Amino acid sequence: MWSMARQAAKRRDKYSCVRCGHRLPKRPTRATHPQKAAYAAAMAAYRVARKTERLEVNHIVPALGRHGVLSCIHHVENLETLCVPCHKAFTRLVATTRSS
């Protein structure tokens, strides 16, 4: 259920961060890298970038530990796609807002 909602949110947001517009790196194709060594190097760089430049799906209204429970908190309307830096900033902001 969560995986389907997460995928739907990413698709709706066109696989980019809704705050800063960051997009995932595009996968290299053999057409753009005709030589085998160039394609292999481009794929290696792509794999590294995919690990560090991933997109995360954030709950706009925080789930607060209710991740395993079936509820409206996981509805696609409450989800947004964020890059890692924006997600960290949003989480930090919510944490400071809750503590004060």
PDB file of N, CA and C in Angstrom:
ATOM      1  N   MET A   1       0.815  -1.185   0.000  1.00  0.00           N
ATOM      2  CA  MET A   1       0.000   0.000   0.000  1.00  0.00           C
ATOM      3  C   MET A   1       0.870   1.266   0.000  1.00  0.00           C
ATOM      4  N   TRP A   2       1.838   1.355   0.958  1.00  0.00           N
ATOM      5  CA  TRP A   2       2.706   2.520   1.032  1.00  0.00           C
ATOM      6  C   TRP A   2       3.536   2.652  -0.227  1.00  0.00           C
ATOM      7  N   SER A   3       4.039   1.525  -0.753  1.00  0.00           N
ATOM      8  CA  SER A   3       4.874   1.602  -1.954  1.00  0.00           C
ATOM      9  C   SER A   3       4.075   2.135  -3.137  1.00  0.00           C
ATOM     10  N   MET A   4       2.797   1.788  -3.219  1.00  0.00           N
ATOM     11  CA  MET A   4       1.960   2.286  -4.312  1.00  0.00           C
ATOM     12  C   MET A   4       1.694   3.782  -4.145  1.00  0.00           C
ATOM     13  N   ALA A   5       1.447   4.219  -2.926  1.00  0.00           N
ATOM     14  CA  ALA A   5       1.208   5.648  -2.672  1.00  0.00           C
ATOM     15  C   ALA A   5       2.467   6.459  -2.950  1.00  0.00           C
ATOM     16  N   ARG A   6       3.616   5.916  -2.524  1.00  0.00           N
ATOM     17  CA  ARG A   6       4.895   6.597  -2.751  1.00  0.00           C
ATOM     18  C   ARG A   6       5.161   6.739  -4.252  1.00  0.00           C
ATOM     19  N   GLN A   7       4.929   5.657  -4.999  1.00  0.00           N
ATOM     20  CA  GLN A   7       5.140   5.691  -6.450  1.00  0.00           C
ATOM     21  C   GLN A   7       4.176   6.676  -7.118  1.00  0.00           C
ATOM     22  N   ALA A   8       2.925   6.705  -6.661  1.00  0.00           N
ATOM     23  CA  ALA A   8       1.934   7.630  -7.233  1.00  0.00           C
ATOM     24  C   ALA A   8       2.334   9.085  -6.979  1.00  0.00           C
ATOM     25  N   ALA A   9       2.872   9.372  -5.789  1.00  0.00           N
ATOM     26  CA  ALA A   9       3.301  10.736  -5.475  1.00  0.00           C
ATOM     27  C   ALA A   9       4.474  11.148  -6.357  1.00  0.00           C
ATOM     28  N   LYS A  10       5.438  10.252  -6.546  1.00  0.00           N
ATOM     29  CA  LYS A  10       6.580  10.568  -7.410  1.00  0.00           C
ATOM     30  C   LYS A  10       6.127  10.796  -8.846  1.00  0.00           C
ATOM     31  N   ARG A  11       5.217   9.965  -9.326  1.00  0.00           N
ATOM     32  CA  ARG A  11       4.715  10.114 -10.699  1.00  0.00           C
ATOM     33  C   ARG A  11       3.974  11.440 -10.840  1.00  0.00           C
ATOM     34  N   ARG A  12       3.118  11.778  -9.871  1.00  0.00           N
ATOM     35  CA  ARG A  12       2.366  13.031  -9.910  1.00  0.00           C
ATOM     36  C   ARG A  12       3.303  14.234  -9.931  1.00  0.00           C
ATOM     37  N   ASP A  13       4.398  14.162  -9.160  1.00  0.00           N
ATOM     38  CA  ASP A  13       5.355  15.266  -9.076  1.00  0.00           C
ATOM     39  C   ASP A  13       6.413  15.220 -10.173  1.00  0.00           C
ATOM     40  N   LYS A  14       6.217  14.335 -11.137  1.00  0.00           N
ATOM     41  CA  LYS A  14       7.099  14.195 -12.303  1.00  0.00           C
ATOM     42  C   LYS A  14       8.547  13.931 -11.913  1.00  0.00           C
ATOM     43  N   TYR A  15       8.712  13.134 -10.856  1.00  0.00           N
ATOM     44  CA  TYR A  15      10.033  12.685 -10.406  1.00  0.00           C
ATOM     45  C   TYR A  15      10.997  13.852 -10.181  1.00  0.00           C
ATOM     46  N   SER A  16      10.481  14.919  -9.562  1.00  0.00           N
ATOM     47  CA  SER A  16      11.331  16.053  -9.208  1.00  0.00           C
ATOM     48  C   SER A  16      10.891  16.606  -7.853  1.00  0.00           C
ATOM     49  N   CYS A  17      11.800  17.276  -7.190  1.00  0.00           N
ATOM     50  CA  CYS A  17      11.523  17.865  -5.879  1.00  0.00           C
ATOM     51  C   CYS A  17      10.536  19.021  -6.057  1.00  0.00           C
ATOM     52  N   VAL A  18       9.468  19.014  -5.265  1.00  0.00           N
ATOM     53  CA  VAL A  18       8.457  20.064  -5.409  1.00  0.00           C
ATOM     54  C   VAL A  18       8.921  21.393  -4.828  1.00  0.00           C
ATOM     55  N   ARG A  19       9.969  21.385  -4.026  1.00  0.00           N
ATOM     56  CA  ARG A  19      10.467  22.620  -3.411  1.00  0.00           C
ATOM     57  C   ARG A  19      11.541  23.303  -4.250  1.00  0.00           C
ATOM     58  N   CYS A  20      12.550  22.543  -4.687  1.00  0.00           N
ATOM     59  CA  CYS A  20      13.667  23.171  -5.415  1.00  0.00           C
ATOM     60  C   CYS A  20      13.744  22.743  -6.885  1.00  0.00           C
ATOM     61  N   GLY A  21      12.971  21.749  -7.287  1.00  0.00           N
ATOM     62  CA  GLY A  21      12.962  21.322  -8.679  1.00  0.00           C
ATOM     63  C   GLY A  21      14.035  20.316  -9.057  1.00  0.00           C
ATOM     64  N   HIS A  22      14.828  19.844  -8.086  1.00  0.00           N
ATOM     65  CA  HIS A  22      15.892  18.870  -8.374  1.00  0.00           C
ATOM     66  C   HIS A  22      15.306  17.628  -9.026  1.00  0.00           C
ATOM     67  N   ARG A  23      15.980  17.154 -10.062  1.00  0.00           N
ATOM     68  CA  ARG A  23      15.546  15.948 -10.771  1.00  0.00           C
ATOM     69  C   ARG A  23      16.619  14.879 -10.651  1.00  0.00           C
ATOM     70  N   LEU A  24      16.200  13.643 -10.777  1.00  0.00           N
ATOM     71  CA  LEU A  24      17.154  12.540 -10.768  1.00  0.00           C
ATOM     72  C   LEU A  24      18.009  12.575 -12.026  1.00  0.00           C
ATOM     73  N   PRO A  25      19.227  12.063 -11.950  1.00  0.00           N
ATOM     74  CA  PRO A  25      20.045  11.983 -13.162  1.00  0.00           C
ATOM     75  C   PRO A  25      19.423  10.994 -14.144  1.00  0.00           C
ATOM     76  N   LYS A  26      19.538  11.292 -15.412  1.00  0.00           N
ATOM     77  CA  LYS A  26      18.983  10.398 -16.433  1.00  0.00           C
ATOM     78  C   LYS A  26      19.928   9.228 -16.665  1.00  0.00           C
ATOM     79  N   ARG A  27      19.352   8.076 -16.915  1.00  0.00           N
ATOM     80  CA  ARG A  27      20.139   6.883 -17.188  1.00  0.00           C
ATOM     81  C   ARG A  27      20.788   7.015 -18.567  1.00  0.00           C
ATOM     82  N   PRO A  28      22.093   6.735 -18.661  1.00  0.00           N
ATOM     83  CA  PRO A  28      22.766   6.818 -19.964  1.00  0.00           C
ATOM     84  C   PRO A  28      22.239   5.757 -20.932  1.00  0.00           C
ATOM     85  N   THR A  29      22.288   6.075 -22.199  1.00  0.00           N
ATOM     86  CA  THR A  29      21.864   5.112 -23.214  1.00  0.00           C
ATOM     87  C   THR A  29      23.046   4.757 -24.108  1.00  0.00           C
ATOM     88  N   ARG A  30      22.942   3.625 -24.732  1.00  0.00           N
ATOM     89  CA  ARG A  30      24.009   3.208 -25.651  1.00  0.00           C
ATOM     90  C   ARG A  30      24.081   4.128 -26.870  1.00  0.00           C
ATOM     91  N   ALA A  31      22.981   4.739 -27.225  1.00  0.00           N
ATOM     92  CA  ALA A  31      22.968   5.640 -28.382  1.00  0.00           C
ATOM     93  C   ALA A  31      23.831   6.879 -28.118  1.00  0.00           C
ATOM     94  N   THR A  32      23.828   7.365 -26.876  1.00  0.00           N
ATOM     95  CA  THR A  32      24.621   8.551 -26.561  1.00  0.00           C
ATOM     96  C   THR A  32      26.069   8.204 -26.227  1.00  0.00           C
ATOM     97  N   HIS A  33      26.348   6.927 -25.947  1.00  0.00           N
ATOM     98  CA  HIS A  33      27.704   6.457 -25.640  1.00  0.00           C
ATOM     99  C   HIS A  33      28.005   5.240 -26.512  1.00  0.00           C
ATOM    100  N   PRO A  34      28.379   5.449 -27.773  1.00  0.00           N
ATOM    101  CA  PRO A  34      28.555   4.322 -28.695  1.00  0.00           C
ATOM    102  C   PRO A  34      29.699   3.379 -28.317  1.00  0.00           C
ATOM    103  N   GLN A  35      30.706   3.879 -27.632  1.00  0.00           N
ATOM    104  CA  GLN A  35      31.819   3.007 -27.263  1.00  0.00           C
ATOM    105  C   GLN A  35      31.516   2.342 -25.925  1.00  0.00           C
ATOM    106  N   LYS A  36      31.867   1.066 -25.839  1.00  0.00           N
ATOM    107  CA  LYS A  36      31.540   0.263 -24.660  1.00  0.00           C
ATOM    108  C   LYS A  36      32.158   0.846 -23.380  1.00  0.00           C
ATOM    109  N   ALA A  37      33.400   1.290 -23.436  1.00  0.00           N
ATOM    110  CA  ALA A  37      34.074   1.831 -22.256  1.00  0.00           C
ATOM    111  C   ALA A  37      33.400   3.128 -21.789  1.00  0.00           C
ATOM    112  N   ALA A  38      33.006   3.964 -22.725  1.00  0.00           N
ATOM    113  CA  ALA A  38      32.345   5.223 -22.365  1.00  0.00           C
ATOM    114  C   ALA A  38      30.988   4.948 -21.727  1.00  0.00           C
ATOM    115  N   TYR A  39      30.263   3.973 -22.265  1.00  0.00           N
ATOM    116  CA  TYR A  39      28.958   3.606 -21.699  1.00  0.00           C
ATOM    117  C   TYR A  39      29.124   3.033 -20.289  1.00  0.00           C
ATOM    118  N   ALA A  40      30.123   2.169 -20.099  1.00  0.00           N
ATOM    119  CA  ALA A  40      30.374   1.566 -18.786  1.00  0.00           C
ATOM    120  C   ALA A  40      30.728   2.643 -17.758  1.00  0.00           C
ATOM    121  N   ALA A  41      31.537   3.606 -18.144  1.00  0.00           N
ATOM    122  CA  ALA A  41      31.905   4.702 -17.236  1.00  0.00           C
ATOM    123  C   ALA A  41      30.689   5.565 -16.900  1.00  0.00           C
ATOM    124  N   ALA A  42      29.867   5.842 -17.896  1.00  0.00           N
ATOM    125  CA  ALA A  42      28.661   6.640 -17.666  1.00  0.00           C
ATOM    126  C   ALA A  42      27.687   5.901 -16.753  1.00  0.00           C
ATOM    127  N   MET A  43      27.554   4.592 -16.924  1.00  0.00           N
ATOM    128  CA  MET A  43      26.673   3.800 -16.061  1.00  0.00           C
ATOM    129  C   MET A  43      27.196   3.768 -14.630  1.00  0.00           C
ATOM    130  N   ALA A  44      28.506   3.665 -14.452  1.00  0.00           N
ATOM    131  CA  ALA A  44      29.092   3.658 -13.109  1.00  0.00           C
ATOM    132  C   ALA A  44      28.805   4.992 -12.411  1.00  0.00           C
ATOM    133  N   ALA A  45      28.975   6.090 -13.125  1.00  0.00           N
ATOM    134  CA  ALA A  45      28.696   7.411 -12.559  1.00  0.00           C
ATOM    135  C   ALA A  45      27.204   7.554 -12.239  1.00  0.00           C
ATOM    136  N   TYR A  46      26.353   7.007 -13.102  1.00  0.00           N
ATOM    137  CA  TYR A  46      24.904   7.053 -12.887  1.00  0.00           C
ATOM    138  C   TYR A  46      24.520   6.288 -11.617  1.00  0.00           C
ATOM    139  N   ARG A  47      25.101   5.112 -11.406  1.00  0.00           N
ATOM    140  CA  ARG A  47      24.794   4.316 -10.215  1.00  0.00           C
ATOM    141  C   ARG A  47      25.188   5.050  -8.931  1.00  0.00           C
ATOM    142  N   VAL A  48      26.330   5.711  -8.950  1.00  0.00           N
ATOM    143  CA  VAL A  48      26.764   6.484  -7.784  1.00  0.00           C
ATOM    144  C   VAL A  48      25.802   7.646  -7.547  1.00  0.00           C
ATOM    145  N   ALA A  49      25.431   8.341  -8.609  1.00  0.00           N
ATOM    146  CA  ALA A  49      24.538   9.492  -8.493  1.00  0.00           C
ATOM    147  C   ALA A  49      23.152   9.073  -8.002  1.00  0.00           C
ATOM    148  N   ARG A  50      22.674   7.909  -8.421  1.00  0.00           N
ATOM    149  CA  ARG A  50      21.356   7.436  -7.984  1.00  0.00           C
ATOM    150  C   ARG A  50      21.316   7.218  -6.476  1.00  0.00           C
ATOM    151  N   LYS A  51      22.439   6.806  -5.894  1.00  0.00           N
ATOM    152  CA  LYS A  51      22.480   6.563  -4.450  1.00  0.00           C
ATOM    153  C   LYS A  51      22.521   7.864  -3.667  1.00  0.00           C
ATOM    154  N   THR A  52      23.202   8.863  -4.192  1.00  0.00           N
ATOM    155  CA  THR A  52      23.381  10.103  -3.449  1.00  0.00           C
ATOM    156  C   THR A  52      22.332  11.164  -3.787  1.00  0.00           C
ATOM    157  N   GLU A  53      21.745  11.093  -4.958  1.00  0.00           N
ATOM    158  CA  GLU A  53      20.796  12.116  -5.400  1.00  0.00           C
ATOM    159  C   GLU A  53      19.371  11.581  -5.478  1.00  0.00           C
ATOM    160  N   ARG A  54      18.993  10.740  -4.552  1.00  0.00           N
ATOM    161  CA  ARG A  54      17.671  10.118  -4.615  1.00  0.00           C
ATOM    162  C   ARG A  54      16.576  11.097  -4.208  1.00  0.00           C
ATOM    163  N   LEU A  55      15.343  10.715  -4.520  1.00  0.00           N
ATOM    164  CA  LEU A  55      14.175  11.484  -4.115  1.00  0.00           C
ATOM    165  C   LEU A  55      13.442  10.712  -3.023  1.00  0.00           C
ATOM    166  N   GLU A  56      12.891  11.437  -2.075  1.00  0.00           N
ATOM    167  CA  GLU A  56      12.142  10.829  -0.984  1.00  0.00           C
ATOM    168  C   GLU A  56      10.722  11.376  -0.999  1.00  0.00           C
ATOM    169  N   VAL A  57       9.802  10.592  -0.471  1.00  0.00           N
ATOM    170  CA  VAL A  57       8.414  11.034  -0.375  1.00  0.00           C
ATOM    171  C   VAL A  57       8.147  11.418   1.074  1.00  0.00           C
ATOM    172  N   ASN A  58       7.674  12.636   1.260  1.00  0.00           N
ATOM    173  CA  ASN A  58       7.468  13.221   2.580  1.00  0.00           C
ATOM    174  C   ASN A  58       5.978  13.314   2.898  1.00  0.00           C
ATOM    175  N   HIS A  59       5.642  13.089   4.166  1.00  0.00           N
ATOM    176  CA  HIS A  59       4.284  13.349   4.641  1.00  0.00           C
ATOM    177  C   HIS A  59       4.193  14.835   4.974  1.00  0.00           C
ATOM    178  N   ILE A  60       3.283  15.547   4.358  1.00  0.00           N
ATOM    179  CA  ILE A  60       3.103  16.970   4.623  1.00  0.00           C
ATOM    180  C   ILE A  60       2.619  17.158   6.065  1.00  0.00           C
ATOM    181  N   VAL A  61       1.576  16.427   6.434  1.00  0.00           N
ATOM    182  CA  VAL A  61       1.160  16.338   7.834  1.00  0.00           C
ATOM    183  C   VAL A  61       1.906  15.138   8.381  1.00  0.00           C
ATOM    184  N   PRO A  62       2.823  15.325   9.323  1.00  0.00           N
ATOM    185  CA  PRO A  62       3.699  14.237   9.767  1.00  0.00           C
ATOM    186  C   PRO A  62       2.951  12.987  10.228  1.00  0.00           C
ATOM    187  N   ALA A  63       3.514  11.830   9.914  1.00  0.00           N
ATOM    188  CA  ALA A  63       2.909  10.546  10.287  1.00  0.00           C
ATOM    189  C   ALA A  63       3.098  10.258  11.770  1.00  0.00           C
ATOM    190  N   LEU A  64       4.143  10.794  12.400  1.00  0.00           N
ATOM    191  CA  LEU A  64       4.390  10.658  13.837  1.00  0.00           C
ATOM    192  C   LEU A  64       4.281   9.213  14.327  1.00  0.00           C
ATOM    193  N   GLY A  65       4.995   8.331  13.658  1.00  0.00           N
ATOM    194  CA  GLY A  65       5.045   6.936  14.090  1.00  0.00           C
ATOM    195  C   GLY A  65       3.927   6.065  13.579  1.00  0.00           C
ATOM    196  N   ARG A  66       3.038   6.592  12.771  1.00  0.00           N
ATOM    197  CA  ARG A  66       1.915   5.803  12.250  1.00  0.00           C
ATOM    198  C   ARG A  66       2.215   5.247  10.867  1.00  0.00           C
ATOM    199  N   HIS A  67       3.462   4.943  10.596  1.00  0.00           N
ATOM    200  CA  HIS A  67       3.839   4.475   9.263  1.00  0.00           C
ATOM    201  C   HIS A  67       3.280   3.094   8.949  1.00  0.00           C
ATOM    202  N   GLY A  68       3.165   2.229   9.941  1.00  0.00           N
ATOM    203  CA  GLY A  68       2.685   0.873   9.701  1.00  0.00           C
ATOM    204  C   GLY A  68       1.185   0.726   9.774  1.00  0.00           C
ATOM    205  N   VAL A  69       0.473   1.798  10.068  1.00  0.00           N
ATOM    206  CA  VAL A  69      -0.977   1.744  10.245  1.00  0.00           C
ATOM    207  C   VAL A  69      -1.657   2.260   8.981  1.00  0.00           C
ATOM    208  N   LEU A  70      -2.695   1.561   8.550  1.00  0.00           N
ATOM    209  CA  LEU A  70      -3.460   1.997   7.392  1.00  0.00           C
ATOM    210  C   LEU A  70      -4.336   3.175   7.810  1.00  0.00           C
ATOM    211  N   SER A  71      -4.065   4.342   7.249  1.00  0.00           N
ATOM    212  CA  SER A  71      -4.843   5.539   7.610  1.00  0.00           C
ATOM    213  C   SER A  71      -4.766   6.558   6.479  1.00  0.00           C
ATOM    214  N   CYS A  72      -5.521   7.632   6.645  1.00  0.00           N
ATOM    215  CA  CYS A  72      -5.543   8.707   5.640  1.00  0.00           C
ATOM    216  C   CYS A  72      -4.228   9.478   5.592  1.00  0.00           C
ATOM    217  N   ILE A  73      -3.373   9.290   6.578  1.00  0.00           N
ATOM    218  CA  ILE A  73      -2.091   9.991   6.627  1.00  0.00           C
ATOM    219  C   ILE A  73      -1.224   9.621   5.413  1.00  0.00           C
ATOM    220  N   HIS A  74      -1.475   8.445   4.857  1.00  0.00           N
ATOM    221  CA  HIS A  74      -0.695   7.976   3.711  1.00  0.00           C
ATOM    222  C   HIS A  74      -1.358   8.294   2.363  1.00  0.00           C
ATOM    223  N   HIS A  75      -2.441   9.048   2.384  1.00  0.00           N
ATOM    224  CA  HIS A  75      -3.121   9.389   1.139  1.00  0.00           C
ATOM    225  C   HIS A  75      -2.213  10.262   0.283  1.00  0.00           C
ATOM    226  N   VAL A  76      -2.297  10.089  -1.011  1.00  0.00           N
ATOM    227  CA  VAL A  76      -1.397  10.785  -1.943  1.00  0.00           C
ATOM    228  C   VAL A  76      -1.515  12.309  -1.821  1.00  0.00           C
ATOM    229  N   GLU A  77      -2.654  12.807  -1.357  1.00  0.00           N
ATOM    230  CA  GLU A  77      -2.820  14.255  -1.160  1.00  0.00           C
ATOM    231  C   GLU A  77      -1.920  14.776  -0.043  1.00  0.00           C
ATOM    232  N   ASN A  78      -1.510  13.900   0.871  1.00  0.00           N
ATOM    233  CA  ASN A  78      -0.658  14.286   1.997  1.00  0.00           C
ATOM    234  C   ASN A  78       0.818  13.990   1.720  1.00  0.00           C
ATOM    235  N   LEU A  79       1.142  13.597   0.515  1.00  0.00           N
ATOM    236  CA  LEU A  79       2.513  13.233   0.171  1.00  0.00           C
ATOM    237  C   LEU A  79       3.091  14.216  -0.825  1.00  0.00           C
ATOM    238  N   GLU A  80       4.401  14.459  -0.705  1.00  0.00           N
ATOM    239  CA  GLU A  80       5.112  15.289  -1.668  1.00  0.00           C
ATOM    240  C   GLU A  80       6.495  14.699  -1.897  1.00  0.00           C
ATOM    241  N   THR A  81       7.015  14.881  -3.095  1.00  0.00           N
ATOM    242  CA  THR A  81       8.337  14.382  -3.450  1.00  0.00           C
ATOM    243  C   THR A  81       9.370  15.463  -3.150  1.00  0.00           C
ATOM    244  N   LEU A  82      10.399  15.068  -2.373  1.00  0.00           N
ATOM    245  CA  LEU A  82      11.454  16.008  -2.007  1.00  0.00           C
ATOM    246  C   LEU A  82      12.819  15.377  -2.242  1.00  0.00           C
ATOM    247  N   CYS A  83      13.804  16.210  -2.557  1.00  0.00           N
ATOM    248  CA  CYS A  83      15.187  15.730  -2.604  1.00  0.00           C
ATOM    249  C   CYS A  83      15.664  15.584  -1.156  1.00  0.00           C
ATOM    250  N   VAL A  84      16.785  14.939  -0.948  1.00  0.00           N
ATOM    251  CA  VAL A  84      17.278  14.686   0.406  1.00  0.00           C
ATOM    252  C   VAL A  84      17.519  15.983   1.191  1.00  0.00           C
ATOM    253  N   PRO A  85      18.201  17.007   0.628  1.00  0.00           N
ATOM    254  CA  PRO A  85      18.401  18.242   1.405  1.00  0.00           C
ATOM    255  C   PRO A  85      17.087  18.938   1.788  1.00  0.00           C
ATOM    256  N   CYS A  86      16.114  18.982   0.881  1.00  0.00           N
ATOM    257  CA  CYS A  86      14.830  19.617   1.193  1.00  0.00           C
ATOM    258  C   CYS A  86      14.069  18.812   2.240  1.00  0.00           C
ATOM    259  N   HIS A  87      14.155  17.486   2.163  1.00  0.00           N
ATOM    260  CA  HIS A  87      13.474  16.633   3.141  1.00  0.00           C
ATOM    261  C   HIS A  87      14.074  16.841   4.530  1.00  0.00           C
ATOM    262  N   LYS A  88      15.399  16.934   4.605  1.00  0.00           N
ATOM    263  CA  LYS A  88      16.054  17.177   5.894  1.00  0.00           C
ATOM    264  C   LYS A  88      15.648  18.540   6.455  1.00  0.00           C
ATOM    265  N   ALA A  89      15.605  19.554   5.608  1.00  0.00           N
ATOM    266  CA  ALA A  89      15.220  20.896   6.048  1.00  0.00           C
ATOM    267  C   ALA A  89      13.781  20.912   6.539  1.00  0.00           C
ATOM    268  N   PHE A  90      12.884  20.236   5.818  1.00  0.00           N
ATOM    269  CA  PHE A  90      11.471  20.175   6.219  1.00  0.00           C
ATOM    270  C   PHE A  90      11.325  19.451   7.555  1.00  0.00           C
ATOM    271  N   THR A  91      12.026  18.341   7.714  1.00  0.00           N
ATOM    272  CA  THR A  91      11.963  17.571   8.953  1.00  0.00           C
ATOM    273  C   THR A  91      12.498  18.390  10.128  1.00  0.00           C
ATOM    274  N   ARG A  92      13.592  19.116   9.906  1.00  0.00           N
ATOM    275  CA  ARG A  92      14.162  19.974  10.937  1.00  0.00           C
ATOM    276  C   ARG A  92      13.169  21.064  11.332  1.00  0.00           C
ATOM    277  N   LEU A  93      12.505  21.661  10.344  1.00  0.00           N
ATOM    278  CA  LEU A  93      11.527  22.713  10.598  1.00  0.00           C
ATOM    279  C   LEU A  93      10.347  22.181  11.405  1.00  0.00           C
ATOM    280  N   VAL A  94       9.851  21.014  11.046  1.00  0.00           N
ATOM    281  CA  VAL A  94       8.714  20.422  11.765  1.00  0.00           C
ATOM    282  C   VAL A  94       9.130  20.080  13.190  1.00  0.00           C
ATOM    283  N   ALA A  95      10.339  19.558  13.373  1.00  0.00           N
ATOM    284  CA  ALA A  95      10.805  19.189  14.708  1.00  0.00           C
ATOM    285  C   ALA A  95      10.933  20.427  15.603  1.00  0.00           C
ATOM    286  N   THR A  96      11.447  21.518  15.069  1.00  0.00           N
ATOM    287  CA  THR A  96      11.582  22.731  15.883  1.00  0.00           C
ATOM    288  C   THR A  96      10.236  23.358  16.162  1.00  0.00           C
ATOM    289  N   THR A  97       9.294  23.242  15.246  1.00  0.00           N
ATOM    290  CA  THR A  97       7.952  23.784  15.439  1.00  0.00           C
ATOM    291  C   THR A  97       7.217  23.012  16.537  1.00  0.00           C
ATOM    292  N   ARG A  98       7.386  21.689  16.536  1.00  0.00           N
ATOM    293  CA  ARG A  98       6.720  20.857  17.540  1.00  0.00           C
ATOM    294  C   ARG A  98       7.308  21.063  18.928  1.00  0.00           C
ATOM    295  N   SER A  99       8.619  21.306  19.011  1.00  0.00           N
ATOM    296  CA  SER A  99       9.266  21.428  20.315  1.00  0.00           C
ATOM    297  C   SER A  99       9.030  22.789  20.982  1.00  0.00           C
ATOM    298  N   SER A 100       8.681  23.799  20.197  1.00  0.00           N
ATOM    299  CA  SER A 100       8.479  25.127  20.810  1.00  0.00           C
ATOM    300  C   SER A 100       7.032  25.417  21.080  1.00  0.00           C
TER     301      SER A 100
END
